[in-house]
Each structure stands twice: as structure tokens, then as C-alpha cells.
């Protein structure tokens, strides 16, 4: 059985590039550890409703809007 390197070397350059990109995709999505912290990019997203709702009401509304 041929090694992975030998198989890749037999491919035309365009397909070698596709294999490289797919391998990079696998490393990025399957191998690297997931984030161990929460993202905060949502912070302030409901600021416009600050005067209309209490924080508890706003939590409930956010769940309704998300469909949970």
C-alpha cells in the first residue's frame, strides 16, 4: 500500500492543492481544540431595549425571539 505522500505526488498540481486545502480544513475543524471561553460578540446587542424591560424580562424576550 502506498503512503499518503506517494499518492499525493501522483496527483496533478491542482488536485494536490485541493488535498492540501482539505487537510487544512480538517485540522482547523476537527483537530484543533475548541474554544474554552465564551464569545462576547453579542454584548450590547439588546441595549436598545434597556429602558423597556427588566433584565429578567429581557432574558425571556430574547428566548422568544431566538425561538427557544
N, C-alpha and C. Protein backbone atom coordinates (compact mmCIF):
# COMPACT_ATOMS: atom_id res chain seq x y z
N UNK A 1 0.85 -1.18 0.00
CA UNK A 1 0.00 0.00 0.00
C UNK A 1 0.89 1.24 0.00
N UNK A 2 0.55 2.22 -0.83
CA UNK A 2 1.35 3.43 -0.95
C UNK A 2 1.06 4.37 0.23
N UNK A 3 2.08 5.15 0.58
CA UNK A 3 1.89 6.13 1.65
C UNK A 3 1.07 7.30 1.12
N UNK A 4 0.57 8.09 2.02
CA UNK A 4 -0.21 9.25 1.63
C UNK A 4 0.62 10.21 0.77
N UNK A 5 1.85 10.43 1.15
CA UNK A 5 2.73 11.32 0.37
C UNK A 5 2.90 10.82 -1.07
N UNK A 6 3.08 9.52 -1.23
CA UNK A 6 3.26 8.96 -2.57
C UNK A 6 2.01 9.15 -3.42
N UNK A 7 0.86 8.94 -2.80
CA UNK A 7 -0.39 9.12 -3.53
C UNK A 7 -0.58 10.58 -3.94
N UNK A 8 -0.28 11.50 -3.06
CA UNK A 8 -0.44 12.91 -3.36
C UNK A 8 0.50 13.35 -4.48
N UNK A 9 1.71 12.82 -4.47
CA UNK A 9 2.69 13.19 -5.51
C UNK A 9 2.24 12.74 -6.90
N UNK A 10 1.41 11.72 -6.98
CA UNK A 10 0.91 11.24 -8.27
C UNK A 10 -0.21 12.12 -8.83
N UNK A 11 -0.76 12.97 -8.00
CA UNK A 11 -1.86 13.83 -8.45
C UNK A 11 -1.33 15.04 -9.22
N UNK A 12 -2.14 15.58 -10.12
CA UNK A 12 -1.76 16.82 -10.79
C UNK A 12 -1.73 17.97 -9.76
N UNK A 13 -0.99 19.04 -10.05
CA UNK A 13 -0.84 20.14 -9.08
C UNK A 13 -2.16 20.70 -8.54
N UNK A 14 -3.17 20.84 -9.40
CA UNK A 14 -4.45 21.39 -8.94
C UNK A 14 -5.08 20.49 -7.88
N UNK A 15 -5.03 19.18 -8.10
CA UNK A 15 -5.60 18.25 -7.13
C UNK A 15 -4.76 18.18 -5.86
N UNK A 16 -3.45 18.34 -5.99
CA UNK A 16 -2.59 18.39 -4.81
C UNK A 16 -3.00 19.58 -3.93
N UNK A 17 -3.30 20.69 -4.59
CA UNK A 17 -3.74 21.88 -3.84
C UNK A 17 -5.07 21.62 -3.13
N UNK A 18 -5.98 20.93 -3.80
CA UNK A 18 -7.27 20.60 -3.18
C UNK A 18 -7.07 19.70 -1.95
N UNK A 19 -6.16 18.73 -2.06
CA UNK A 19 -5.87 17.85 -0.94
C UNK A 19 -5.30 18.66 0.22
N UNK A 20 -4.39 19.58 -0.10
CA UNK A 20 -3.77 20.43 0.94
C UNK A 20 -4.84 21.27 1.64
N UNK A 21 -5.75 21.88 0.85
CA UNK A 21 -6.81 22.70 1.44
C UNK A 21 -7.75 21.87 2.30
N UNK A 22 -8.09 20.67 1.83
CA UNK A 22 -8.98 19.80 2.61
C UNK A 22 -8.30 19.36 3.91
N UNK A 23 -7.03 19.04 3.83
CA UNK A 23 -6.29 18.64 5.03
C UNK A 23 -6.26 19.80 6.02
N UNK A 24 -6.06 21.02 5.52
CA UNK A 24 -6.06 22.19 6.40
C UNK A 24 -7.44 22.39 7.03
N UNK A 25 -8.48 22.18 6.26
CA UNK A 25 -9.84 22.27 6.79
C UNK A 25 -10.04 21.26 7.92
N UNK A 26 -9.60 20.04 7.72
CA UNK A 26 -9.74 19.01 8.76
C UNK A 26 -9.00 19.39 10.03
N UNK A 27 -7.79 19.91 9.86
CA UNK A 27 -7.01 20.33 11.03
C UNK A 27 -7.74 21.45 11.76
N UNK A 28 -8.22 22.42 11.01
CA UNK A 28 -8.88 23.58 11.62
C UNK A 28 -10.18 23.22 12.33
N UNK A 29 -10.94 22.28 11.79
CA UNK A 29 -12.26 21.99 12.34
C UNK A 29 -12.31 20.77 13.24
N UNK A 30 -11.43 19.82 13.03
CA UNK A 30 -11.53 18.56 13.78
C UNK A 30 -10.42 18.33 14.79
N UNK A 31 -9.25 18.89 14.54
CA UNK A 31 -8.09 18.55 15.36
C UNK A 31 -7.82 19.60 16.43
N UNK A 32 -7.86 20.87 16.04
CA UNK A 32 -7.54 21.93 16.99
C UNK A 32 -8.58 21.97 18.09
N UNK A 33 -8.13 22.23 19.31
CA UNK A 33 -9.08 22.26 20.43
C UNK A 33 -10.09 23.39 20.27
N UNK A 34 -11.27 23.14 20.75
CA UNK A 34 -12.33 24.14 20.71
C UNK A 34 -12.01 25.24 21.72
N UNK A 35 -12.69 26.37 21.54
CA UNK A 35 -12.52 27.47 22.49
C UNK A 35 -12.96 27.02 23.87
N UNK A 36 -12.25 27.50 24.87
CA UNK A 36 -12.60 27.15 26.24
C UNK A 36 -13.18 28.35 26.97
N UNK A 37 -13.57 29.37 26.20
CA UNK A 37 -14.15 30.55 26.81
C UNK A 37 -15.35 30.99 25.98
N UNK A 38 -16.19 31.76 26.58
CA UNK A 38 -17.39 32.23 25.89
C UNK A 38 -17.07 33.40 24.98
N UNK A 39 -17.70 33.42 23.84
CA UNK A 39 -17.57 34.57 22.96
C UNK A 39 -18.42 35.69 23.54
N UNK A 40 -17.98 36.90 23.39
CA UNK A 40 -18.72 38.04 23.92
C UNK A 40 -19.14 38.99 22.81
N UNK A 41 -19.20 38.52 21.57
CA UNK A 41 -19.53 39.41 20.47
C UNK A 41 -21.00 39.82 20.46
N UNK A 42 -21.80 39.23 21.30
CA UNK A 42 -23.21 39.56 21.39
C UNK A 42 -23.46 40.70 22.38
N UNK A 43 -22.46 41.04 23.19
CA UNK A 43 -22.63 42.02 24.27
C UNK A 43 -23.17 43.34 23.71
N UNK A 44 -24.19 43.86 24.36
CA UNK A 44 -24.78 45.13 23.94
C UNK A 44 -25.81 44.99 22.84
N UNK A 45 -26.07 43.78 22.41
CA UNK A 45 -26.98 43.57 21.30
C UNK A 45 -28.43 43.94 21.60
N UNK A 46 -28.79 44.01 22.86
CA UNK A 46 -30.17 44.34 23.24
C UNK A 46 -30.24 45.68 23.97
N UNK A 47 -29.22 46.48 23.82
CA UNK A 47 -29.12 47.76 24.53
C UNK A 47 -30.32 48.66 24.27
N UNK A 48 -30.88 48.60 23.07
CA UNK A 48 -31.99 49.49 22.73
C UNK A 48 -33.24 49.21 23.56
N UNK A 49 -33.32 48.04 24.19
CA UNK A 49 -34.49 47.68 24.98
C UNK A 49 -34.28 47.88 26.47
N UNK A 50 -33.17 48.49 26.85
CA UNK A 50 -32.79 48.64 28.25
C UNK A 50 -33.88 49.35 29.05
N UNK A 51 -34.48 50.40 28.51
CA UNK A 51 -35.49 51.16 29.24
C UNK A 51 -36.86 50.51 29.25
N UNK A 52 -37.12 49.58 28.37
CA UNK A 52 -38.44 48.97 28.25
C UNK A 52 -38.63 47.74 29.13
N UNK A 53 -37.55 47.01 29.39
CA UNK A 53 -37.67 45.72 30.08
C UNK A 53 -36.67 45.64 31.24
N UNK A 54 -37.04 44.84 32.25
CA UNK A 54 -36.06 44.49 33.29
C UNK A 54 -35.15 43.42 32.70
N UNK A 55 -34.07 43.14 33.38
CA UNK A 55 -33.14 42.14 32.84
C UNK A 55 -33.80 40.77 32.72
N UNK A 56 -34.66 40.41 33.66
CA UNK A 56 -35.36 39.12 33.58
C UNK A 56 -36.32 39.09 32.40
N UNK A 57 -37.08 40.16 32.23
CA UNK A 57 -38.00 40.22 31.08
C UNK A 57 -37.23 40.18 29.77
N UNK A 58 -36.09 40.84 29.74
CA UNK A 58 -35.27 40.86 28.53
C UNK A 58 -34.73 39.46 28.21
N UNK A 59 -34.35 38.71 29.25
CA UNK A 59 -33.91 37.33 29.03
C UNK A 59 -35.03 36.50 28.41
N UNK A 60 -36.23 36.66 28.94
CA UNK A 60 -37.37 35.90 28.42
C UNK A 60 -37.68 36.30 26.99
N UNK A 61 -37.65 37.61 26.71
CA UNK A 61 -37.90 38.08 25.35
C UNK A 61 -36.84 37.56 24.39
N UNK A 62 -35.59 37.57 24.80
CA UNK A 62 -34.51 37.07 23.95
C UNK A 62 -34.75 35.61 23.60
N UNK A 63 -35.20 34.82 24.56
CA UNK A 63 -35.51 33.41 24.28
C UNK A 63 -36.67 33.29 23.29
N UNK A 64 -37.66 34.14 23.45
CA UNK A 64 -38.78 34.13 22.50
C UNK A 64 -38.29 34.46 21.09
N UNK A 65 -37.50 35.51 20.98
CA UNK A 65 -37.01 35.97 19.68
C UNK A 65 -36.14 34.93 19.01
N UNK A 66 -35.35 34.20 19.80
CA UNK A 66 -34.49 33.15 19.25
C UNK A 66 -35.28 31.92 18.87
N UNK A 67 -36.46 31.77 19.47
CA UNK A 67 -37.29 30.60 19.16
C UNK A 67 -37.05 29.43 20.10
N UNK A 68 -36.42 29.67 21.24
CA UNK A 68 -36.15 28.60 22.21
C UNK A 68 -37.32 28.41 23.15
